[in-house]
């Protein structure tokens, strides 16, 4: 693969527009890990309609969990080129997509299919307060295959909570952190049992892992993935007042190639999930000692990798 040059596009301001804002004095989070430098490669990979995984698993799964409709406002965090935004807008929802990669936002604007229901912002998901979005104005927020590229988690959850209406929903989808650990997991084959298995060499230790985007050619082009155990997501969500209500594990729909190992390979595909989806709700914080119906506000776990 080649290293693609930056495509500096200007995003037209229309009904589907790019909006931005700033606030002085806010503490700076760690350096951004957006994908602007690989935007053309990523767009070629995903395309206008999304990859096979998007079309067969991810988009249908998110639509089923969120149930977008005409009276809903939905926030899409790290929306990329707007694949999920367009699907939710097609269902009638008003969607705002946020991504720090300006080139991907430019592509999302250009590909808008429902301009009256799609808006796009160049912004950092860890600093949503800078975008001047109305507080408690969104029915739901989604983050599709991006949360593992951002750190820390706590300001992301706090920003979502401030923008969600009471009882609002947050849906996060990521590569399954129990089975897809960069540099610590892979497939193995047992000749004696004639089965494919998933080998896990590490899980509980959080890690910052550079991922080569063009292996075999330009090793300098990388993105960053942050591996975290499942407890990091559950605990930081709870600390932010977002109560986990559902977890789903989704398998790949891609069948293995034909051959004598087909049945064994297909069995492992159907048994070991590729993706994990978490659905959480904004709930009231419970004042200490009241025994109320909310959850206790406690310091967030150290999730800054």
C-alpha atoms as a PDB file:
ATOM      1  CA  UNK A   1       0.000   0.000   0.000  1.00  0.00           C
ATOM      2  CA  UNK A   2       1.091   3.573  -0.630  1.00  0.00           C
ATOM      3  CA  UNK A   3       1.191   6.483   1.730  1.00  0.00           C
ATOM      4  CA  UNK A   4      -1.501   8.826   0.510  1.00  0.00           C
ATOM      5  CA  UNK A   5      -0.990  12.606   0.504  1.00  0.00           C
ATOM      6  CA  UNK A   6      -3.362  14.812   2.454  1.00  0.00           C
ATOM      7  CA  UNK A   7      -6.440  15.917   0.550  1.00  0.00           C
ATOM      8  CA  UNK A   8      -7.143  19.457   1.786  1.00  0.00           C
ATOM      9  CA  UNK A   9     -10.798  19.963   1.007  1.00  0.00           C
ATOM     10  CA  UNK A  10     -12.895  22.932   2.032  1.00  0.00           C
ATOM     11  CA  UNK A  11     -16.234  21.918   3.520  1.00  0.00           C
ATOM     12  CA  UNK A  12     -19.098  23.983   2.064  1.00  0.00           C
ATOM     13  CA  UNK A  13     -21.336  25.582   4.674  1.00  0.00           C
ATOM     14  CA  UNK A  14     -24.894  24.605   3.832  1.00  0.00           C
ATOM     15  CA  UNK A  15     -27.725  22.754   5.546  1.00  0.00           C
ATOM     16  CA  UNK A  16     -25.156  20.043   6.107  1.00  0.00           C
ATOM     17  CA  UNK A  17     -22.442  22.190   7.614  1.00  0.00           C
ATOM     18  CA  UNK A  18     -19.203  22.064   9.525  1.00  0.00           C
ATOM     19  CA  UNK A  19     -19.423  23.931  12.821  1.00  0.00           C
ATOM     20  CA  UNK A  20     -16.801  24.580  15.472  1.00  0.00           C
ATOM     21  CA  UNK A  21     -16.167  26.475  18.666  1.00  0.00           C
ATOM     22  CA  UNK A  22     -13.668  26.953  21.456  1.00  0.00           C
ATOM     23  CA  UNK A  23     -13.447  27.809  25.101  1.00  0.00           C
ATOM     24  CA  UNK A  24     -10.439  29.402  26.724  1.00  0.00           C
ATOM     25  CA  UNK A  25      -8.829  27.896  29.771  1.00  0.00           C
ATOM     26  CA  UNK A  26      -9.907  24.272  29.232  1.00  0.00           C
ATOM     27  CA  UNK A  27      -7.329  21.703  30.286  1.00  0.00           C
ATOM     28  CA  UNK A  28      -5.633  20.039  27.353  1.00  0.00           C
ATOM     29  CA  UNK A  29      -6.128  16.268  26.992  1.00  0.00           C
ATOM     30  CA  UNK A  30      -3.347  14.051  25.618  1.00  0.00           C
ATOM     31  CA  UNK A  31      -2.260  14.578  22.021  1.00  0.00           C
ATOM     32  CA  UNK A  32      -4.961  13.712  19.473  1.00  0.00           C
ATOM     33  CA  UNK A  33      -4.851  10.355  17.713  1.00  0.00           C
ATOM     34  CA  UNK A  34      -7.194  11.137  14.833  1.00  0.00           C
ATOM     35  CA  UNK A  35      -6.907   9.546  11.389  1.00  0.00           C
ATOM     36  CA  UNK A  36      -6.589  12.660   9.244  1.00  0.00           C
ATOM     37  CA  UNK A  37      -3.160  11.560   8.019  1.00  0.00           C
ATOM     38  CA  UNK A  38      -4.624   8.272   6.736  1.00  0.00           C
ATOM     39  CA  UNK A  39      -8.008   9.641   5.680  1.00  0.00           C
ATOM     40  CA  UNK A  40      -7.721   8.737   1.999  1.00  0.00           C
ATOM     41  CA  UNK A  41      -6.556   5.208   2.772  1.00  0.00           C
ATOM     42  CA  UNK A  42      -9.360   4.774   5.305  1.00  0.00           C
ATOM     43  CA  UNK A  43     -11.976   6.130   2.920  1.00  0.00           C
ATOM     44  CA  UNK A  44     -10.815   3.758   0.204  1.00  0.00           C
ATOM     45  CA  UNK A  45     -11.113   0.893   2.702  1.00  0.00           C
ATOM     46  CA  UNK A  46     -14.565   1.759   4.033  1.00  0.00           C
ATOM     47  CA  UNK A  47     -16.117   3.433   1.004  1.00  0.00           C
ATOM     48  CA  UNK A  48     -19.349   5.378   0.756  1.00  0.00           C
ATOM     49  CA  UNK A  49     -21.580   2.554   1.999  1.00  0.00           C
ATOM     50  CA  UNK A  50     -19.222   1.066   4.575  1.00  0.00           C
ATOM     51  CA  UNK A  51     -17.242  -2.169   4.552  1.00  0.00           C
ATOM     52  CA  UNK A  52     -18.826  -5.623   4.546  1.00  0.00           C
ATOM     53  CA  UNK A  53     -18.669  -5.556   8.346  1.00  0.00           C
ATOM     54  CA  UNK A  54     -20.501  -2.209   8.361  1.00  0.00           C
ATOM     55  CA  UNK A  55     -23.210  -3.398   6.026  1.00  0.00           C
ATOM     56  CA  UNK A  56     -23.745  -6.871   7.466  1.00  0.00           C
ATOM     57  CA  UNK A  57     -23.124  -6.400  11.200  1.00  0.00           C
ATOM     58  CA  UNK A  58     -22.339  -2.916  12.484  1.00  0.00           C
ATOM     59  CA  UNK A  59     -24.947  -0.645  10.912  1.00  0.00           C
ATOM     60  CA  UNK A  60     -27.845  -3.111  11.398  1.00  0.00           C
ATOM     61  CA  UNK A  61     -26.757  -3.721  14.994  1.00  0.00           C
ATOM     62  CA  UNK A  62     -26.558  -0.029  15.904  1.00  0.00           C
ATOM     63  CA  UNK A  63     -29.893   0.720  14.208  1.00  0.00           C
ATOM     64  CA  UNK A  64     -31.522  -2.090  16.166  1.00  0.00           C
ATOM     65  CA  UNK A  65     -30.118  -0.861  19.492  1.00  0.00           C
ATOM     66  CA  UNK A  66     -30.827   2.840  18.961  1.00  0.00           C
ATOM     67  CA  UNK A  67     -34.076   2.630  16.956  1.00  0.00           C
ATOM     68  CA  UNK A  68     -33.635   6.043  15.255  1.00  0.00           C
ATOM     69  CA  UNK A  69     -36.810   7.813  14.184  1.00  0.00           C
ATOM     70  CA  UNK A  70     -38.063  11.213  13.087  1.00  0.00           C
ATOM     71  CA  UNK A  71     -38.383  12.755  16.549  1.00  0.00           C
ATOM     72  CA  UNK A  72     -34.853  11.878  17.673  1.00  0.00           C
ATOM     73  CA  UNK A  73     -31.583  13.828  17.771  1.00  0.00           C
ATOM     74  CA  UNK A  74     -28.487  11.613  17.711  1.00  0.00           C
ATOM     75  CA  UNK A  75     -24.796  12.416  18.202  1.00  0.00           C
ATOM     76  CA  UNK A  76     -22.222  10.320  16.317  1.00  0.00           C
ATOM     77  CA  UNK A  77     -18.785  10.512  17.965  1.00  0.00           C
ATOM     78  CA  UNK A  78     -15.754  10.010  15.690  1.00  0.00           C
ATOM     79  CA  UNK A  79     -18.154   9.734  12.770  1.00  0.00           C
ATOM     80  CA  UNK A  80     -15.461   9.521  10.092  1.00  0.00           C
ATOM     81  CA  UNK A  81     -16.887   9.963   6.607  1.00  0.00           C
ATOM     82  CA  UNK A  82     -20.460   9.727   7.916  1.00  0.00           C
ATOM     83  CA  UNK A  83     -21.460   6.152   7.072  1.00  0.00           C
ATOM     84  CA  UNK A  84     -23.409   5.661  10.316  1.00  0.00           C
ATOM     85  CA  UNK A  85     -24.784   9.220  10.241  1.00  0.00           C
ATOM     86  CA  UNK A  86     -26.331   8.680   6.823  1.00  0.00           C
ATOM     87  CA  UNK A  87     -27.946   5.431   7.930  1.00  0.00           C
ATOM     88  CA  UNK A  88     -29.528   7.066  10.985  1.00  0.00           C
ATOM     89  CA  UNK A  89     -30.630  10.101   8.975  1.00  0.00           C
ATOM     90  CA  UNK A  90     -32.259   7.761   6.457  1.00  0.00           C
ATOM     91  CA  UNK A  91     -34.344   6.416   9.352  1.00  0.00           C
ATOM     92  CA  UNK A  92     -35.606   9.953  10.013  1.00  0.00           C
ATOM     93  CA  UNK A  93     -33.362  11.092  12.864  1.00  0.00           C
ATOM     94  CA  UNK A  94     -31.535  14.413  13.014  1.00  0.00           C
ATOM     95  CA  UNK A  95     -27.844  13.509  13.294  1.00  0.00           C
ATOM     96  CA  UNK A  96     -24.773  15.483  14.309  1.00  0.00           C
ATOM     97  CA  UNK A  97     -21.435  13.875  13.454  1.00  0.00           C
ATOM     98  CA  UNK A  98     -18.207  14.879  15.230  1.00  0.00           C
ATOM     99  CA  UNK A  99     -14.686  13.920  14.144  1.00  0.00           C
ATOM    100  CA  UNK A 100     -11.261  15.469  14.652  1.00  0.00           C
ATOM    101  CA  UNK A 101     -10.145  14.470  11.133  1.00  0.00           C
ATOM    102  CA  UNK A 102     -11.117  17.462   8.986  1.00  0.00           C
ATOM    103  CA  UNK A 103     -10.651  15.557   5.730  1.00  0.00           C
ATOM    104  CA  UNK A 104     -13.092  12.844   6.801  1.00  0.00           C
ATOM    105  CA  UNK A 105     -15.624  15.481   7.878  1.00  0.00           C
ATOM    106  CA  UNK A 106     -15.227  17.105   4.461  1.00  0.00           C
ATOM    107  CA  UNK A 107     -16.051  13.771   2.832  1.00  0.00           C
ATOM    108  CA  UNK A 108     -19.065  13.323   5.118  1.00  0.00           C
ATOM    109  CA  UNK A 109     -20.399  16.741   4.123  1.00  0.00           C
ATOM    110  CA  UNK A 110     -19.958  16.016   0.422  1.00  0.00           C
ATOM    111  CA  UNK A 111     -21.744  12.661   0.695  1.00  0.00           C
ATOM    112  CA  UNK A 112     -24.680  13.877   2.721  1.00  0.00           C
ATOM    113  CA  UNK A 113     -27.889  12.217   1.559  1.00  0.00           C
ATOM    114  CA  UNK A 114     -30.276  14.044   3.908  1.00  0.00           C
ATOM    115  CA  UNK A 115     -28.792  17.554   4.219  1.00  0.00           C
ATOM    116  CA  UNK A 116     -31.640  18.845   6.354  1.00  0.00           C
ATOM    117  CA  UNK A 117     -30.984  16.130   8.945  1.00  0.00           C
ATOM    118  CA  UNK A 118     -27.171  15.861   8.857  1.00  0.00           C
ATOM    119  CA  UNK A 119     -24.710  18.270  10.465  1.00  0.00           C
ATOM    120  CA  UNK A 120     -20.987  17.700  10.874  1.00  0.00           C
ATOM    121  CA  UNK A 121     -18.472  19.209  13.298  1.00  0.00           C
ATOM    122  CA  UNK A 122     -14.696  19.144  13.285  1.00  0.00           C
ATOM    123  CA  UNK A 123     -14.028  18.545  16.955  1.00  0.00           C
ATOM    124  CA  UNK A 124     -12.424  16.435  19.655  1.00  0.00           C
ATOM    125  CA  UNK A 125     -14.732  13.883  21.293  1.00  0.00           C
ATOM    126  CA  UNK A 126     -12.830  14.501  24.539  1.00  0.00           C
ATOM    127  CA  UNK A 127     -13.733  18.207  24.443  1.00  0.00           C
ATOM    128  CA  UNK A 128     -17.349  18.262  23.333  1.00  0.00           C
ATOM    129  CA  UNK A 129     -17.983  21.370  25.423  1.00  0.00           C
ATOM    130  CA  UNK A 130     -16.033  23.376  22.829  1.00  0.00           C
ATOM    131  CA  UNK A 131     -18.603  22.714  20.103  1.00  0.00           C
ATOM    132  CA  UNK A 132     -21.382  24.859  21.615  1.00  0.00           C
ATOM    133  CA  UNK A 133     -23.928  22.065  21.270  1.00  0.00           C
ATOM    134  CA  UNK A 134     -27.024  22.567  23.459  1.00  0.00           C
ATOM    135  CA  UNK A 135     -26.906  20.721  26.785  1.00  0.00           C
ATOM    136  CA  UNK A 136     -29.274  17.785  27.235  1.00  0.00           C
ATOM    137  CA  UNK A 137     -30.447  18.045  23.633  1.00  0.00           C
ATOM    138  CA  UNK A 138     -29.649  14.568  22.275  1.00  0.00           C
ATOM    139  CA  UNK A 139     -31.755  11.431  22.660  1.00  0.00           C
ATOM    140  CA  UNK A 140     -28.828   9.136  21.896  1.00  0.00           C
ATOM    141  CA  UNK A 141     -25.121   9.089  21.107  1.00  0.00           C
ATOM    142  CA  UNK A 142     -23.144   6.432  19.265  1.00  0.00           C
ATOM    143  CA  UNK A 143     -19.442   5.697  18.832  1.00  0.00           C
ATOM    144  CA  UNK A 144     -18.673   3.108  16.180  1.00  0.00           C
ATOM    145  CA  UNK A 145     -15.232   1.460  16.009  1.00  0.00           C
ATOM    146  CA  UNK A 146     -13.432   4.540  17.362  1.00  0.00           C
ATOM    147  CA  UNK A 147     -13.341   4.453  21.155  1.00  0.00           C
ATOM    148  CA  UNK A 148     -10.197   2.287  21.139  1.00  0.00           C
ATOM    149  CA  UNK A 149      -8.383   5.087  19.301  1.00  0.00           C
ATOM    150  CA  UNK A 150      -8.991   7.704  22.007  1.00  0.00           C
ATOM    151  CA  UNK A 151      -7.747   8.359  25.522  1.00  0.00           C
ATOM    152  CA  UNK A 152      -8.723   9.116  28.210  1.00  0.00           C
ATOM    153  CA  UNK A 153     -12.281   7.809  28.354  1.00  0.00           C
ATOM    154  CA  UNK A 154     -13.658   9.903  31.205  1.00  0.00           C
ATOM    155  CA  UNK A 155     -13.928  13.274  29.401  1.00  0.00           C
ATOM    156  CA  UNK A 156     -15.672  11.531  26.505  1.00  0.00           C
ATOM    157  CA  UNK A 157     -18.279  10.040  28.818  1.00  0.00           C
ATOM    158  CA  UNK A 158     -18.663  13.340  30.696  1.00  0.00           C
ATOM    159  CA  UNK A 159     -19.237  15.196  27.442  1.00  0.00           C
ATOM    160  CA  UNK A 160     -21.808  12.652  26.329  1.00  0.00           C
ATOM    161  CA  UNK A 161     -23.623  12.834  29.646  1.00  0.00           C
ATOM    162  CA  UNK A 162     -23.871  16.611  29.463  1.00  0.00           C
ATOM    163  CA  UNK A 163     -25.346  16.466  25.952  1.00  0.00           C
ATOM    164  CA  UNK A 164     -27.759  13.566  26.497  1.00  0.00           C
ATOM    165  CA  UNK A 165     -31.280  14.149  27.702  1.00  0.00           C
ATOM    166  CA  UNK A 166     -32.222  12.491  31.022  1.00  0.00           C
ATOM    167  CA  UNK A 167     -32.500   8.780  30.225  1.00  0.00           C
ATOM    168  CA  UNK A 168     -30.600   9.264  26.969  1.00  0.00           C
ATOM    169  CA  UNK A 169     -28.728   6.317  25.465  1.00  0.00           C
ATOM    170  CA  UNK A 170     -25.051   5.867  24.597  1.00  0.00           C
ATOM    171  CA  UNK A 171     -24.064   2.984  22.304  1.00  0.00           C
ATOM    172  CA  UNK A 172     -20.402   2.063  21.858  1.00  0.00           C
ATOM    173  CA  UNK A 173     -19.186  -0.584  19.408  1.00  0.00           C
ATOM    174  CA  UNK A 174     -15.585  -1.751  19.303  1.00  0.00           C
ATOM    175  CA  UNK A 175     -13.454  -4.735  18.405  1.00  0.00           C
ATOM    176  CA  UNK A 176     -13.983  -7.176  21.248  1.00  0.00           C
ATOM    177  CA  UNK A 177     -11.363  -6.252  23.868  1.00  0.00           C
ATOM    178  CA  UNK A 178     -11.298  -9.778  25.281  1.00  0.00           C
ATOM    179  CA  UNK A 179     -10.406 -11.466  21.989  1.00  0.00           C
ATOM    180  CA  UNK A 180      -8.806  -8.756  19.833  1.00  0.00           C
ATOM    181  CA  UNK A 181      -5.755  -7.476  21.679  1.00  0.00           C
ATOM    182  CA  UNK A 182      -3.114  -5.873  19.437  1.00  0.00           C
ATOM    183  CA  UNK A 183       0.071  -7.912  19.581  1.00  0.00           C
ATOM    184  CA  UNK A 184      -1.356 -10.230  22.246  1.00  0.00           C
ATOM    185  CA  UNK A 185      -3.954 -12.338  20.421  1.00  0.00           C
ATOM    186  CA  UNK A 186      -4.078 -14.442  17.276  1.00  0.00           C
ATOM    187  CA  UNK A 187      -5.609 -17.524  15.724  1.00  0.00           C
ATOM    188  CA  UNK A 188      -4.057 -20.938  16.252  1.00  0.00           C
ATOM    189  CA  UNK A 189      -4.721 -24.381  14.790  1.00  0.00           C
ATOM    190  CA  UNK A 190      -4.787 -27.614  16.792  1.00  0.00           C
ATOM    191  CA  UNK A 191      -3.898 -30.488  14.447  1.00  0.00           C
ATOM    192  CA  UNK A 192      -4.851 -33.201  16.903  1.00  0.00           C
ATOM    193  CA  UNK A 193      -8.316 -31.808  17.651  1.00  0.00           C
ATOM    194  CA  UNK A 194      -8.755 -30.269  14.178  1.00  0.00           C
ATOM    195  CA  UNK A 195     -10.038 -27.003  15.676  1.00  0.00           C
ATOM    196  CA  UNK A 196      -9.134 -23.358  15.347  1.00  0.00           C
ATOM    197  CA  UNK A 197      -8.683 -21.511  18.623  1.00  0.00           C
ATOM    198  CA  UNK A 198      -8.024 -17.951  19.743  1.00  0.00           C
ATOM    199  CA  UNK A 199      -4.757 -17.526  21.623  1.00  0.00           C
ATOM    200  CA  UNK A 200      -4.661 -14.743  24.234  1.00  0.00           C
ATOM    201  CA  UNK A 201      -1.233 -13.808  25.620  1.00  0.00           C
ATOM    202  CA  UNK A 202      -2.306 -10.738  27.590  1.00  0.00           C
ATOM    203  CA  UNK A 203      -5.533  -8.985  28.525  1.00  0.00           C
ATOM    204  CA  UNK A 204      -5.710  -7.116  31.853  1.00  0.00           C
ATOM    205  CA  UNK A 205      -2.835  -4.732  31.189  1.00  0.00           C
ATOM    206  CA  UNK A 206      -3.874  -1.595  29.320  1.00  0.00           C
ATOM    207  CA  UNK A 207      -1.573  -0.658  26.466  1.00  0.00           C
ATOM    208  CA  UNK A 208      -0.922   2.009  23.857  1.00  0.00           C
ATOM    209  CA  UNK A 209      -0.113   0.205  20.598  1.00  0.00           C
ATOM    210  CA  UNK A 210       1.015   1.764  17.286  1.00  0.00           C
ATOM    211  CA  UNK A 211      -0.625   0.052  14.307  1.00  0.00           C
ATOM    212  CA  UNK A 212       1.142   0.094  10.936  1.00  0.00           C
ATOM    213  CA  UNK A 213      -1.339   1.172   8.268  1.00  0.00           C
ATOM    214  CA  UNK A 214       0.819   0.131   5.306  1.00  0.00           C
ATOM    215  CA  UNK A 215       2.691  -2.987   6.509  1.00  0.00           C
ATOM    216  CA  UNK A 216       5.497  -4.066   4.206  1.00  0.00           C
ATOM    217  CA  UNK A 217       5.944  -0.633   2.625  1.00  0.00           C
ATOM    218  CA  UNK A 218       6.046   2.529   4.724  1.00  0.00           C
ATOM    219  CA  UNK A 219       6.343   1.508   8.371  1.00  0.00           C
ATOM    220  CA  UNK A 220       6.299   5.132   9.519  1.00  0.00           C
ATOM    221  CA  UNK A 221       2.558   5.533   8.824  1.00  0.00           C
ATOM    222  CA  UNK A 222       0.791   4.441  11.984  1.00  0.00           C
ATOM    223  CA  UNK A 223      -2.367   5.010  13.989  1.00  0.00           C
ATOM    224  CA  UNK A 224      -2.724   4.417  17.719  1.00  0.00           C
ATOM    225  CA  UNK A 225      -4.908   1.824  19.409  1.00  0.00           C
ATOM    226  CA  UNK A 226      -5.508   1.768  23.163  1.00  0.00           C
ATOM    227  CA  UNK A 227      -6.230  -1.677  24.531  1.00  0.00           C
ATOM    228  CA  UNK A 228      -8.235  -1.735  27.755  1.00  0.00           C
ATOM    229  CA  UNK A 229      -9.868  -4.607  29.641  1.00  0.00           C
ATOM    230  CA  UNK A 230     -13.649  -4.686  29.731  1.00  0.00           C
ATOM    231  CA  UNK A 231     -13.717  -3.396  33.308  1.00  0.00           C
ATOM    232  CA  UNK A 232     -12.213  -0.074  32.169  1.00  0.00           C
ATOM    233  CA  UNK A 233     -15.253   0.621  29.995  1.00  0.00           C
ATOM    234  CA  UNK A 234     -17.832  -0.530  32.553  1.00  0.00           C
ATOM    235  CA  UNK A 235     -16.251   1.306  35.494  1.00  0.00           C
ATOM    236  CA  UNK A 236     -15.582   4.616  33.738  1.00  0.00           C
ATOM    237  CA  UNK A 237     -19.092   4.659  32.273  1.00  0.00           C
ATOM    238  CA  UNK A 238     -20.546   4.132  35.742  1.00  0.00           C
ATOM    239  CA  UNK A 239     -18.324   6.807  37.241  1.00  0.00           C
ATOM    240  CA  UNK A 240     -19.669   9.247  34.641  1.00  0.00           C
ATOM    241  CA  UNK A 241     -23.320   8.539  35.456  1.00  0.00           C
ATOM    242  CA  UNK A 242     -23.896   6.258  32.479  1.00  0.00           C
ATOM    243  CA  UNK A 243     -25.419   2.969  33.617  1.00  0.00           C
ATOM    244  CA  UNK A 244     -24.677  -0.070  31.468  1.00  0.00           C
ATOM    245  CA  UNK A 245     -27.984  -1.672  30.481  1.00  0.00           C
ATOM    246  CA  UNK A 246     -26.978  -4.089  27.747  1.00  0.00           C
ATOM    247  CA  UNK A 247     -23.928  -5.792  26.271  1.00  0.00           C
ATOM    248  CA  UNK A 248     -23.951  -7.691  22.993  1.00  0.00           C
ATOM    249  CA  UNK A 249     -21.229  -9.677  21.237  1.00  0.00           C
ATOM    250  CA  UNK A 250     -21.351  -9.797  17.454  1.00  0.00           C
ATOM    251  CA  UNK A 251     -19.665 -12.292  15.176  1.00  0.00           C
ATOM    252  CA  UNK A 252     -18.207 -11.701  11.738  1.00  0.00           C
ATOM    253  CA  UNK A 253     -20.450 -12.655   8.814  1.00  0.00           C
ATOM    254  CA  UNK A 254     -17.506 -13.380   6.549  1.00  0.00           C
ATOM    255  CA  UNK A 255     -17.237 -17.102   5.929  1.00  0.00           C
ATOM    256  CA  UNK A 256     -13.808 -18.742   5.651  1.00  0.00           C
ATOM    257  CA  UNK A 257     -12.543 -20.018   2.308  1.00  0.00           C
ATOM    258  CA  UNK A 258     -13.680 -23.411   1.091  1.00  0.00           C
ATOM    259  CA  UNK A 259     -11.429 -26.334   1.953  1.00  0.00           C
ATOM    260  CA  UNK A 260     -10.981 -29.232   4.329  1.00  0.00           C
ATOM    261  CA  UNK A 261     -10.800 -26.887   7.335  1.00  0.00           C
ATOM    262  CA  UNK A 262     -13.930 -24.959   6.431  1.00  0.00           C
ATOM    263  CA  UNK A 263     -16.192 -26.463   9.115  1.00  0.00           C
ATOM    264  CA  UNK A 264     -13.656 -25.905  11.888  1.00  0.00           C
ATOM    265  CA  UNK A 265     -12.847 -22.365  10.792  1.00  0.00           C
ATOM    266  CA  UNK A 266     -16.511 -21.508  10.461  1.00  0.00           C
ATOM    267  CA  UNK A 267     -17.255 -22.936  13.899  1.00  0.00           C
ATOM    268  CA  UNK A 268     -14.665 -20.646  15.502  1.00  0.00           C
ATOM    269  CA  UNK A 269     -16.037 -17.672  13.535  1.00  0.00           C
ATOM    270  CA  UNK A 270     -19.511 -18.358  14.912  1.00  0.00           C
ATOM    271  CA  UNK A 271     -18.278 -18.992  18.454  1.00  0.00           C
ATOM    272  CA  UNK A 272     -15.692 -16.245  19.050  1.00  0.00           C
ATOM    273  CA  UNK A 273     -17.132 -12.733  18.581  1.00  0.00           C
ATOM    274  CA  UNK A 274     -15.367 -10.041  16.589  1.00  0.00           C
ATOM    275  CA  UNK A 275     -17.221  -7.029  17.999  1.00  0.00           C
ATOM    276  CA  UNK A 276     -18.661  -5.912  21.333  1.00  0.00           C
ATOM    277  CA  UNK A 277     -21.538  -3.450  21.722  1.00  0.00           C
ATOM    278  CA  UNK A 278     -22.315  -1.640  24.975  1.00  0.00           C
ATOM    279  CA  UNK A 279     -25.526   0.301  25.606  1.00  0.00           C
ATOM    280  CA  UNK A 280     -25.638   2.683  28.584  1.00  0.00           C
ATOM    281  CA  UNK A 281     -28.220   5.154  29.912  1.00  0.00           C
ATOM    282  CA  UNK A 282     -27.832   8.546  31.518  1.00  0.00           C
ATOM    283  CA  UNK A 283     -29.126   8.171  35.066  1.00  0.00           C
ATOM    284  CA  UNK A 284     -29.239  10.565  38.048  1.00  0.00           C
ATOM    285  CA  UNK A 285     -26.309  10.613  40.404  1.00  0.00           C
ATOM    286  CA  UNK A 286     -27.355   9.417  43.862  1.00  0.00           C
ATOM    287  CA  UNK A 287     -26.515  11.852  46.663  1.00  0.00           C
ATOM    288  CA  UNK A 288     -24.346  10.144  49.255  1.00  0.00           C
ATOM    289  CA  UNK A 289     -26.329   8.407  51.976  1.00  0.00           C
ATOM    290  CA  UNK A 290     -29.776   8.845  50.410  1.00  0.00           C
ATOM    291  CA  UNK A 291     -30.278   5.356  49.023  1.00  0.00           C
ATOM    292  CA  UNK A 292     -31.942   6.911  45.992  1.00  0.00           C
ATOM    293  CA  UNK A 293     -32.567   5.377  42.616  1.00  0.00           C
ATOM    294  CA  UNK A 294     -29.473   6.703  40.853  1.00  0.00           C
ATOM    295  CA  UNK A 295     -25.830   5.660  41.023  1.00  0.00           C
ATOM    296  CA  UNK A 296     -23.154   7.038  43.294  1.00  0.00           C
ATOM    297  CA  UNK A 297     -20.811   9.620  41.837  1.00  0.00           C
ATOM    298  CA  UNK A 298     -17.328   8.260  42.435  1.00  0.00           C
ATOM    299  CA  UNK A 299     -13.940   9.226  41.031  1.00  0.00           C
ATOM    300  CA  UNK A 300     -13.365   7.698  37.600  1.00  0.00           C
ATOM    301  CA  UNK A 301     -10.838   4.918  37.244  1.00  0.00           C
ATOM    302  CA  UNK A 302      -7.442   5.894  35.857  1.00  0.00           C
ATOM    303  CA  UNK A 303      -8.137   5.295  32.166  1.00  0.00           C
ATOM    304  CA  UNK A 304      -5.478   7.541  30.635  1.00  0.00           C
ATOM    305  CA  UNK A 305      -3.078   5.225  28.809  1.00  0.00           C
END
